[in-house]
Amino acid sequence: MRGRSQQRRTGPVLVTGASAGLGLETALYLAEQDLPVYATVRDDAARSDVLRAAADRNVALRVLRLDLTDPASIDQAVRTVLDEAGEIYALVNNGGVGLRGCLEDLSDDEIRHLFETNVLGTLAVTRAVLPHMRAAGRGRVVTISSVGGRISSFGVGAYCATKFAQEGLGEALALELAPFGIRSVLIEPGMIKTTRWTTNRATSAGALDPRSPYREMFLAAEELADRIVGRSRTRPVDVAKAVQRAITAERPRMRYVVGRPASVVIRMRRFLPEPLFERVYFGPFLRRLERARTNGAPPPAGERRAGARGGV
């Protein structure tokens, strides 16, 4: 009965990037709560994997193709949901890609693809659904950002820049959409063990180039990140539960931080004086990176520029 009452209060949910990780778990969990879910995947080849996962969980959902870099696929997916369900009550902006590597080690193509997917793609799908939410006089735009959208870190600067952009978008939408009965909510997970740390790690080729002056520091940072992820008690379902609250709560908060470590760091950033936070949070990490850098001497800048991009 609880699930049916939620379905009457809400409506169809469109989840982007649902082929794996947080998006897949969110789509499956929402379906378990009897919400009508449209799970989107970038490649049709992933459709069978999502349907198999849904069958294993004994839930029903619809799988559509939606590539955030393909406007035609966005329009087609939105039209399909509207034709079949009559409305889109909630959009879950989860789709995106990662990119690991220091700025000098990233290629133009890598950076462009990152921003076209995470920023321009999120803007495009949100713009596609908003007219229909406004016509209905209700709706939720839920964007899965990251603690990296509040505090950046070594070797993920470009990725964090896209998450900072999503944070700015989410805040602005909260103001723009509230008069129309639509809520914008940001979900900010900490580090969670998903395929983003294995098959979808998305490490720049330049970051692993032996000629990179950042390589030893990057490898040390990655090793530390893997240890933190391995110890993390935050699970994908924790993010899915936060998304459900954002969709079903009568008055959702603008932000939901997921995971105790993420909450602690964000609170430190909020309440500590900036110089003290920098010493406490960044200081030990910087010392670790400096030790790693001294283990290997970087090549002269001119020598590296001559051929460092060969494998990118």
Protein backbone atom coordinates (compact mmCIF):
# COMPACT_ATOMS: atom_id res chain seq x y z
CA MET A 1 0.00 0.00 0.00
CA ARG A 2 2.83 2.39 0.81
CA GLY A 3 4.35 1.95 -2.63
CA ARG A 4 1.01 2.55 -4.41
CA SER A 5 0.34 5.73 -2.45
CA GLN A 6 3.80 7.00 -3.39
CA GLN A 7 3.07 6.25 -7.02
CA ARG A 8 -0.13 8.34 -6.91
CA ARG A 9 1.70 11.28 -5.33
CA THR A 10 4.60 11.07 -7.75
CA GLY A 11 4.76 9.58 -11.22
CA PRO A 12 7.15 8.36 -13.91
CA VAL A 13 10.86 8.69 -13.17
CA LEU A 14 13.50 9.05 -15.88
CA VAL A 15 16.96 7.91 -14.72
CA THR A 16 19.96 8.67 -16.94
CA GLY A 17 23.14 6.60 -16.92
CA ALA A 18 21.42 3.47 -15.58
CA SER A 19 23.61 0.82 -17.20
CA ALA A 20 25.79 0.32 -14.10
CA GLY A 21 26.84 1.69 -10.75
CA LEU A 22 24.76 4.31 -8.96
CA GLY A 23 22.35 4.76 -11.85
CA LEU A 24 21.52 1.07 -12.09
CA GLU A 25 21.02 0.69 -8.34
CA THR A 26 18.87 3.83 -8.24
CA ALA A 27 16.65 2.60 -11.06
CA LEU A 28 16.23 -0.83 -9.47
CA TYR A 29 15.59 0.55 -5.98
CA LEU A 30 12.98 3.04 -7.19
CA ALA A 31 11.26 0.26 -9.10
CA GLU A 32 11.21 -1.79 -5.90
CA GLN A 33 9.30 1.08 -4.29
CA ASP A 34 6.64 0.71 -7.01
CA LEU A 35 7.67 3.86 -8.84
CA PRO A 36 7.36 3.66 -12.64
CA VAL A 37 10.97 3.82 -13.82
CA TYR A 38 12.44 4.54 -17.24
CA ALA A 39 16.11 3.56 -17.05
CA THR A 40 18.28 4.94 -19.83
CA VAL A 41 21.51 3.53 -21.24
CA ARG A 42 23.96 5.09 -23.67
CA ASP A 43 24.40 1.91 -25.73
CA ASP A 44 21.67 -0.53 -26.70
CA ALA A 45 24.08 -3.35 -25.85
CA ALA A 46 23.60 -2.56 -22.15
CA ARG A 47 19.82 -2.99 -22.33
CA SER A 48 19.91 -6.74 -21.72
CA ASP A 49 22.19 -6.31 -18.67
CA VAL A 50 19.74 -3.87 -17.07
CA LEU A 51 16.76 -6.08 -17.81
CA ARG A 52 18.60 -9.07 -16.37
CA ALA A 53 19.39 -7.13 -13.19
CA ALA A 54 15.72 -6.11 -12.94
CA ALA A 55 14.61 -9.73 -13.32
CA ASP A 56 17.05 -10.77 -10.59
CA ARG A 57 15.46 -8.18 -8.28
CA ASN A 58 11.95 -9.15 -9.42
CA VAL A 59 11.05 -5.64 -10.58
CA ALA A 60 9.76 -4.18 -13.81
CA LEU A 61 11.19 -1.15 -15.55
CA ARG A 62 11.49 0.22 -19.06
CA VAL A 63 14.91 0.59 -20.67
CA LEU A 64 15.49 3.33 -23.24
CA ARG A 65 18.53 4.54 -25.15
CA LEU A 66 19.73 8.02 -24.19
CA ASP A 67 23.18 9.35 -25.00
CA LEU A 68 23.84 12.67 -23.27
CA THR A 69 25.99 13.77 -26.22
CA ASP A 70 23.27 12.93 -28.78
CA PRO A 71 20.39 15.48 -28.75
CA ALA A 72 18.22 13.28 -30.97
CA SER A 73 18.42 10.40 -28.49
CA ILE A 74 17.46 12.75 -25.65
CA ASP A 75 14.41 14.00 -27.53
CA GLN A 76 13.39 10.46 -28.50
CA ALA A 77 13.65 9.16 -24.92
CA VAL A 78 11.62 12.07 -23.53
CA ARG A 79 8.95 11.65 -26.21
CA THR A 80 8.73 7.92 -25.50
CA VAL A 81 8.12 8.48 -21.78
CA LEU A 82 5.49 11.15 -22.50
CA ASP A 83 3.74 8.99 -25.09
CA GLU A 84 3.63 5.96 -22.80
CA ALA A 85 3.16 7.53 -19.37
CA GLY A 86 1.70 10.94 -20.11
CA GLU A 87 4.22 12.85 -17.98
CA ILE A 88 7.68 12.87 -16.46
CA TYR A 89 7.38 13.55 -12.76
CA ALA A 90 11.06 13.17 -11.86
CA LEU A 91 14.32 13.38 -13.75
CA VAL A 92 17.36 11.79 -12.09
CA ASN A 93 20.47 13.31 -13.67
CA ASN A 94 22.93 10.51 -13.00
CA GLY A 95 24.52 9.97 -16.42
CA GLY A 96 28.10 11.06 -16.85
CA VAL A 97 31.69 10.00 -17.31
CA GLY A 98 34.83 10.24 -15.21
CA LEU A 99 38.31 11.46 -16.06
CA ARG A 100 41.34 10.96 -13.83
CA GLY A 101 44.58 12.79 -14.41
CA CYS A 102 46.27 16.14 -13.74
CA LEU A 103 45.37 18.97 -16.06
CA GLU A 104 48.60 18.98 -18.11
CA ASP A 105 48.18 15.27 -18.77
CA LEU A 106 44.66 15.59 -20.22
CA SER A 107 44.06 15.89 -23.94
CA ASP A 108 41.68 18.40 -25.50
CA ASP A 109 39.44 15.56 -26.70
CA GLU A 110 39.24 14.03 -23.21
CA ILE A 111 38.32 17.35 -21.61
CA ARG A 112 35.81 18.18 -24.32
CA HIS A 113 34.07 14.79 -24.01
CA LEU A 114 33.97 15.14 -20.22
CA PHE A 115 32.26 18.54 -20.32
CA GLU A 116 29.99 17.68 -23.24
CA THR A 117 28.70 14.69 -21.29
CA ASN A 118 28.60 15.83 -17.67
CA VAL A 119 27.72 19.49 -18.14
CA LEU A 120 26.19 20.07 -21.58
CA GLY A 121 24.45 16.69 -21.52
CA THR A 122 22.94 17.34 -18.10
CA LEU A 123 21.77 20.77 -19.28
CA ALA A 124 20.27 19.28 -22.44
CA VAL A 125 18.20 16.54 -20.81
CA THR A 126 17.02 18.91 -18.08
CA ARG A 127 15.91 21.47 -20.66
CA ALA A 128 14.07 18.73 -22.54
CA VAL A 129 11.88 17.75 -19.57
CA LEU A 130 11.23 21.14 -17.96
CA PRO A 131 8.47 22.37 -20.31
CA HIS A 132 6.45 19.25 -19.53
CA MET A 133 6.98 19.58 -15.78
CA ARG A 134 5.91 23.23 -15.94
CA ALA A 135 2.78 22.26 -17.87
CA ALA A 136 1.97 19.72 -15.15
CA GLY A 137 2.71 22.22 -12.38
CA ARG A 138 4.88 19.73 -10.51
CA GLY A 139 8.06 17.71 -10.74
CA ARG A 140 11.50 16.97 -9.36
CA VAL A 141 14.93 17.45 -10.94
CA VAL A 142 17.38 15.36 -8.95
CA THR A 143 21.03 15.71 -9.89
CA ILE A 144 23.58 13.25 -8.56
CA SER A 145 26.63 15.43 -8.05
CA SER A 146 29.45 14.47 -5.67
CA VAL A 147 31.37 15.59 -2.64
CA GLY A 148 33.80 16.49 -5.43
CA GLY A 149 31.33 19.19 -6.41
CA ARG A 150 32.00 20.92 -3.10
CA ILE A 151 35.70 20.10 -2.48
CA SER A 152 38.13 19.31 -5.26
CA SER A 153 41.12 16.99 -5.08
CA PHE A 154 44.39 16.04 -6.78
CA GLY A 155 44.22 14.41 -10.18
CA VAL A 156 40.49 14.91 -10.70
CA GLY A 157 40.37 18.66 -11.27
CA ALA A 158 38.59 18.55 -14.62
CA TYR A 159 36.06 16.02 -13.33
CA CYS A 160 35.43 18.06 -10.19
CA ALA A 161 34.99 21.15 -12.37
CA THR A 162 32.03 19.41 -14.05
CA LYS A 163 30.59 18.58 -10.64
CA PHE A 164 31.03 22.17 -9.45
CA ALA A 165 29.10 23.16 -12.59
CA GLN A 166 26.30 20.76 -11.69
CA GLU A 167 26.16 22.25 -8.20
CA GLY A 168 25.77 25.74 -9.63
CA LEU A 169 23.08 24.54 -12.00
CA GLY A 170 21.19 22.75 -9.23
CA GLU A 171 21.17 25.83 -7.00
CA ALA A 172 19.98 28.10 -9.80
CA LEU A 173 17.24 25.64 -10.80
CA ALA A 174 16.01 25.54 -7.20
CA LEU A 175 15.25 29.25 -7.53
CA GLU A 176 14.01 29.21 -11.11
CA LEU A 177 11.66 26.25 -10.77
CA ALA A 178 10.12 26.64 -7.30
CA PRO A 179 7.46 29.13 -8.52
CA PHE A 180 6.24 26.44 -10.94
CA GLY A 181 5.91 23.74 -8.26
CA ILE A 182 9.12 21.98 -9.32
CA ARG A 183 11.95 21.16 -6.92
CA SER A 184 15.64 20.89 -7.76
CA VAL A 185 17.64 18.61 -5.46
CA LEU A 186 21.35 17.81 -5.36
CA ILE A 187 22.61 14.43 -4.15
CA GLU A 188 26.25 14.51 -2.99
CA PRO A 189 27.77 11.05 -2.48
CA GLY A 190 31.21 10.44 -1.06
CA MET A 191 33.51 7.72 -2.34
CA ILE A 192 31.58 4.53 -3.10
CA LYS A 193 32.86 1.29 -4.58
CA THR A 194 31.26 0.93 -8.02
CA THR A 195 32.45 0.18 -11.55
CA ARG A 196 33.72 3.79 -11.62
CA TRP A 197 36.74 2.38 -9.75
CA THR A 198 37.22 -0.65 -12.01
CA THR A 199 35.99 -1.04 -15.58
CA ASN A 200 34.83 2.60 -15.84
CA ARG A 201 37.79 4.21 -14.10
CA ALA A 202 38.50 6.50 -17.07
CA THR A 203 42.15 7.28 -16.40
CA SER A 204 43.76 9.58 -18.94
CA ALA A 205 46.51 7.95 -20.99
CA GLY A 206 48.70 10.97 -20.31
CA ALA A 207 48.43 10.46 -16.55
CA LEU A 208 50.26 7.14 -16.86
CA ASP A 209 52.91 8.35 -19.27
CA PRO A 210 56.35 7.80 -17.64
CA ARG A 211 57.38 11.23 -18.92
CA SER A 212 54.67 13.02 -16.98
CA PRO A 213 56.05 15.18 -14.13
CA TYR A 214 52.88 14.32 -12.19
CA ARG A 215 52.99 10.53 -12.67
CA GLU A 216 54.48 9.47 -9.30
CA MET A 217 52.19 11.83 -7.41
CA PHE A 218 49.19 10.66 -9.42
CA LEU A 219 49.92 7.00 -8.71
CA ALA A 220 50.32 7.75 -5.00
CA ALA A 221 47.02 9.63 -4.98
CA GLU A 222 45.28 6.80 -6.81
CA GLU A 223 46.63 4.25 -4.34
CA LEU A 224 45.31 6.33 -1.45
CA ALA A 225 41.93 6.73 -3.15
CA ASP A 226 41.67 2.97 -3.67
CA ARG A 227 42.34 2.37 0.02
CA ILE A 228 39.65 4.87 1.01
CA VAL A 229 37.15 3.30 -1.40
CA GLY A 230 38.00 -0.15 -0.06
CA ARG A 231 37.17 0.99 3.47
CA SER A 232 34.04 2.90 2.52
CA ARG A 233 30.84 1.71 4.18
CA THR A 234 28.66 3.83 1.91
CA ARG A 235 26.83 1.71 -0.65
CA PRO A 236 25.06 2.48 -3.92
CA VAL A 237 21.71 1.77 -2.26
CA ASP A 238 22.39 4.64 0.15
CA VAL A 239 22.42 6.98 -2.83
CA ALA A 240 19.26 5.36 -4.19
CA LYS A 241 17.49 5.94 -0.87
CA ALA A 242 18.51 9.60 -0.91
CA VAL A 243 17.10 9.91 -4.43
CA GLN A 244 13.84 8.34 -3.30
CA ARG A 245 13.57 10.86 -0.46
CA ALA A 246 14.24 13.69 -2.89
CA ILE A 247 11.45 12.43 -5.16
CA THR A 248 8.82 11.56 -2.56
CA ALA A 249 9.33 14.05 0.29
CA GLU A 250 6.74 16.79 0.41
CA ARG A 251 9.43 19.39 1.08
CA PRO A 252 12.80 17.94 0.08
CA ARG A 253 16.04 19.63 1.05
CA MET A 254 18.13 21.27 -1.64
CA ARG A 255 21.04 18.94 -0.81
CA TYR A 256 21.43 15.40 0.53
CA VAL A 257 24.99 14.39 1.44
CA VAL A 258 25.44 10.60 1.29
CA GLY A 259 28.00 8.96 3.55
CA ARG A 260 29.45 9.98 6.89
CA PRO A 261 32.98 10.79 5.63
CA ALA A 262 31.54 13.11 3.00
CA SER A 263 29.37 14.81 5.61
CA VAL A 264 32.35 15.31 7.92
CA VAL A 265 34.52 16.86 5.21
CA ILE A 266 31.77 19.20 4.02
CA ARG A 267 31.06 20.31 7.58
CA MET A 268 34.77 20.94 8.13
CA ARG A 269 34.86 23.10 5.02
CA ARG A 270 31.77 24.99 6.17
CA PHE A 271 32.71 25.70 9.76
CA LEU A 272 36.51 25.83 9.94
CA PRO A 273 38.35 29.02 8.99
CA GLU A 274 39.71 28.57 5.49
CA PRO A 275 43.43 28.58 6.44
CA LEU A 276 42.80 26.00 9.17
CA PHE A 277 40.81 23.76 6.84
CA GLU A 278 43.57 23.92 4.25
CA ARG A 279 46.18 22.89 6.82
CA VAL A 280 44.07 20.09 8.31
CA TYR A 281 42.61 18.65 5.10
CA PHE A 282 45.09 19.46 2.33
CA GLY A 283 48.32 19.65 4.35
CA PRO A 284 48.91 15.92 5.03
CA PHE A 285 47.91 15.05 1.48
CA LEU A 286 50.33 17.59 0.01
CA ARG A 287 53.17 16.17 2.10
CA ARG A 288 52.36 12.68 0.85
CA LEU A 289 52.43 13.89 -2.74
CA GLU A 290 55.73 15.67 -2.26
CA ARG A 291 57.30 12.46 -0.96
CA ALA A 292 55.95 10.61 -3.98
CA ARG A 293 57.30 13.25 -6.38
CA THR A 294 60.82 12.99 -5.03
CA ASN A 295 60.84 9.27 -5.82
CA GLY A 296 61.09 10.06 -9.52
CA ALA A 297 62.67 12.99 -11.30
CA PRO A 298 60.40 14.53 -13.97
CA PRO A 299 61.87 15.15 -17.42
CA PRO A 300 62.62 18.66 -18.63
CA ALA A 301 59.42 20.40 -19.73
CA GLY A 302 60.54 20.79 -23.34
CA GLU A 303 61.45 17.12 -23.68
CA ARG A 304 58.08 16.02 -22.36
CA ARG A 305 56.12 18.37 -24.57
CA ALA A 306 57.90 16.95 -27.61
CA GLY A 307 56.31 13.52 -27.34
CA ALA A 308 54.20 13.01 -24.23
CA ARG A 309 50.89 12.98 -26.10
CA GLY A 310 51.62 10.08 -28.36
CA GLY A 311 49.29 7.61 -26.69
CA VAL A 312 46.36 9.97 -26.04
